Amino acid sequence: MPDIPETPNRTIADVREAQDLLFFGYRDFTGAADVILTELGLGRAHHRALHFIGRTPGLPVSELLAVLRITKQSLARVLSELVARDYVAQVQGHTDRRQRLLRLTANGLALERRLFVRQRDRLANAYAQAGPVAVDGFRAVMRAIMDDSARDYIDGAARQDER
């Protein structure tokens, strides 16, 4: 593995620290919701599915697969459990009856909201401590880490939130 070239703005130590920050931030951010998930016998894969289905009601299974980048078999296990527990409903596509469209049920909306609130509070506190300039910098760094498809998703979700 080639060494990371050092520049005046980026040293190896800076990149290692960024990795540490991402790992620990992810651990503690997801940990806020893990308590609820554990109580229900669910995991992070269930949470990610609930999040994206909640953000995009009527989301086709194929698009959820593309966003999550997991196998069909893994998603099938997660979705079957969420459907069986009445958190997610599947309906046939309007134009393509082979397509399965996903939406949260009333129970799913309530659970997704509980999980969101736990993580929202953690982020709101962090944003308040860091300040608006740091939050803008955080967004810029996260966008730079993401690939084009993730940035496209974020941009589409932001437009949806504005409505």
Protein backbone atom coordinates (compact mmCIF):
# COMPACT_ATOMS: atom_id res chain seq x y z
CA MET A 1 0.00 0.00 0.00
CA PRO A 2 1.52 3.32 -1.02
CA ASP A 3 2.13 5.95 1.61
CA ILE A 4 -0.14 8.95 1.74
CA PRO A 5 1.77 11.90 0.33
CA GLU A 6 2.16 14.64 2.87
CA THR A 7 1.24 18.19 1.93
CA PRO A 8 1.20 21.32 4.05
CA ASN A 9 -2.55 20.78 4.58
CA ARG A 10 -2.62 17.01 5.08
CA THR A 11 -0.23 14.83 7.02
CA ILE A 12 -0.42 11.13 7.64
CA ALA A 13 -1.30 11.95 11.25
CA ASP A 14 -4.21 14.13 10.03
CA VAL A 15 -5.59 11.29 7.92
CA ARG A 16 -5.18 8.76 10.73
CA GLU A 17 -6.95 11.13 13.12
CA ALA A 18 -9.76 11.58 10.58
CA GLN A 19 -10.14 7.79 10.39
CA ASP A 20 -10.31 7.60 14.18
CA LEU A 21 -12.88 10.40 14.27
CA LEU A 22 -15.04 8.67 11.66
CA PHE A 23 -14.85 5.29 13.41
CA PHE A 24 -15.62 6.65 16.87
CA GLY A 25 -18.24 9.10 15.59
CA TYR A 26 -20.00 6.27 13.74
CA ARG A 27 -19.82 4.02 16.79
CA ASP A 28 -21.38 6.59 19.09
CA PHE A 29 -23.88 7.93 16.54
CA THR A 30 -25.21 4.44 15.82
CA GLY A 31 -24.97 3.51 19.50
CA ALA A 32 -27.64 6.08 20.27
CA ALA A 33 -30.13 4.00 18.27
CA ASP A 34 -28.64 0.59 19.09
CA VAL A 35 -30.28 0.62 22.53
CA ILE A 36 -33.75 0.68 20.97
CA LEU A 37 -32.82 -1.80 18.24
CA THR A 38 -31.42 -4.25 20.80
CA GLU A 39 -34.61 -4.07 22.88
CA LEU A 40 -36.54 -5.10 19.78
CA GLY A 41 -34.11 -7.76 18.60
CA LEU A 42 -33.26 -5.75 15.50
CA GLY A 43 -29.92 -4.61 14.12
CA ARG A 44 -28.32 -1.81 12.17
CA ALA A 45 -29.32 -3.31 8.83
CA HIS A 46 -32.96 -3.03 9.91
CA HIS A 47 -32.34 0.58 10.96
CA ARG A 48 -30.75 1.51 7.63
CA ALA A 49 -33.68 -0.03 5.75
CA LEU A 50 -36.21 1.81 7.94
CA HIS A 51 -34.32 5.07 7.45
CA PHE A 52 -34.21 4.95 3.66
CA ILE A 53 -37.75 3.59 3.26
CA GLY A 54 -38.96 6.35 5.59
CA ARG A 55 -37.09 9.00 3.60
CA THR A 56 -38.55 7.76 0.31
CA PRO A 57 -42.02 6.23 0.67
CA GLY A 58 -42.74 4.01 -2.33
CA LEU A 59 -39.04 3.18 -2.70
CA PRO A 60 -38.54 0.25 -5.08
CA VAL A 61 -36.64 -2.70 -3.61
CA SER A 62 -34.10 -2.39 -6.44
CA GLU A 63 -33.28 1.20 -5.41
CA LEU A 64 -32.95 0.20 -1.76
CA LEU A 65 -30.49 -2.50 -2.83
CA ALA A 66 -28.49 0.11 -4.75
CA VAL A 67 -28.42 2.54 -1.82
CA LEU A 68 -27.51 -0.05 0.83
CA ARG A 69 -25.10 -1.99 -1.41
CA ILE A 70 -25.97 -5.30 0.19
CA THR A 71 -26.90 -8.60 -1.42
CA LYS A 72 -30.46 -9.48 -2.37
CA GLN A 73 -30.31 -12.32 0.13
CA SER A 74 -29.30 -9.99 2.98
CA LEU A 75 -31.98 -7.48 2.10
CA ALA A 76 -34.58 -10.24 1.80
CA ARG A 77 -33.84 -11.35 5.38
CA VAL A 78 -34.11 -7.78 6.69
CA LEU A 79 -37.27 -6.94 4.76
CA SER A 80 -39.03 -10.19 5.59
CA GLU A 81 -38.52 -9.51 9.29
CA LEU A 82 -39.64 -5.88 9.01
CA VAL A 83 -42.74 -6.95 7.05
CA ALA A 84 -43.53 -9.77 9.50
CA ARG A 85 -43.30 -7.33 12.41
CA ASP A 86 -45.57 -4.83 10.62
CA TYR A 87 -42.92 -2.11 10.24
CA VAL A 88 -42.81 -2.20 6.42
CA ALA A 89 -45.44 -2.83 3.77
CA GLN A 90 -44.76 -3.93 0.20
CA VAL A 91 -47.05 -3.19 -2.73
CA GLN A 92 -46.81 -3.97 -6.41
CA GLY A 93 -45.53 -1.29 -8.75
CA HIS A 94 -48.11 0.81 -10.56
CA THR A 95 -46.69 0.33 -14.04
CA ASP A 96 -44.57 -2.80 -13.49
CA ARG A 97 -46.41 -5.34 -11.37
CA ARG A 98 -43.14 -7.23 -10.77
CA GLN A 99 -41.75 -4.24 -8.95
CA ARG A 100 -42.12 -4.11 -5.17
CA LEU A 101 -42.54 -0.68 -3.62
CA LEU A 102 -41.79 -0.19 0.07
CA ARG A 103 -43.32 2.09 2.65
CA LEU A 104 -43.36 2.25 6.42
CA THR A 105 -46.51 1.18 8.23
CA ALA A 106 -47.81 3.19 11.20
CA ASN A 107 -45.66 0.96 13.46
CA GLY A 108 -42.67 1.50 11.18
CA LEU A 109 -43.16 5.26 11.19
CA ALA A 110 -43.28 5.26 14.99
CA LEU A 111 -40.13 3.14 15.28
CA GLU A 112 -38.23 5.15 12.68
CA ARG A 113 -39.20 8.32 14.54
CA ARG A 114 -37.91 6.93 17.87
CA LEU A 115 -34.61 6.00 16.25
CA PHE A 116 -34.38 9.36 14.49
CA VAL A 117 -34.99 11.32 17.68
CA ARG A 118 -32.13 9.54 19.47
CA GLN A 119 -29.73 10.33 16.66
CA ARG A 120 -31.14 13.81 16.05
CA ASP A 121 -30.44 14.75 19.65
CA ARG A 122 -26.85 13.53 19.38
CA LEU A 123 -26.30 15.48 16.15
CA ALA A 124 -28.07 18.60 17.42
CA ASN A 125 -25.80 18.69 20.47
CA ALA A 126 -22.71 18.19 18.33
CA TYR A 127 -23.81 20.89 15.86
CA ALA A 128 -24.46 23.32 18.73
CA GLN A 129 -21.01 22.64 20.23
CA ALA A 130 -19.18 22.92 16.91
CA GLY A 131 -20.99 25.93 15.44
CA PRO A 132 -22.31 26.63 11.93
CA VAL A 133 -18.94 27.05 10.21
CA ALA A 134 -17.79 23.66 11.49
CA VAL A 135 -21.10 22.06 10.45
CA ASP A 136 -20.64 23.40 6.92
CA GLY A 137 -17.09 22.02 6.92
CA PHE A 138 -18.35 18.65 8.17
CA ARG A 139 -20.86 18.51 5.32
CA ALA A 140 -18.19 19.42 2.78
CA VAL A 141 -15.83 16.70 4.04
CA MET A 142 -18.56 14.05 4.15
CA ARG A 143 -19.67 14.94 0.60
CA ALA A 144 -16.07 14.71 -0.59
CA ILE A 145 -15.78 11.21 0.91
CA MET A 146 -18.98 9.99 -0.80
CA ASP A 147 -19.23 8.74 -4.35
CA ASP A 148 -21.42 10.41 -6.97
CA SER A 149 -24.43 8.17 -6.33
CA ALA A 150 -24.44 9.05 -2.63
CA ARG A 151 -24.15 12.78 -3.38
CA ASP A 152 -27.01 12.45 -5.88
CA TYR A 153 -29.13 10.76 -3.22
CA ILE A 154 -28.31 13.49 -0.66
CA ASP A 155 -29.12 16.25 -3.15
CA GLY A 156 -32.44 14.59 -4.02
CA ALA A 157 -33.33 14.11 -0.34
CA ALA A 158 -32.53 17.77 0.35
CA ARG A 159 -34.84 18.87 -2.45
CA GLN A 160 -37.56 16.61 -1.06
CA ASP A 161 -37.09 18.09 2.44
CA GLU A 162 -37.56 21.60 1.04
CA ARG A 163 -41.08 20.75 -0.17
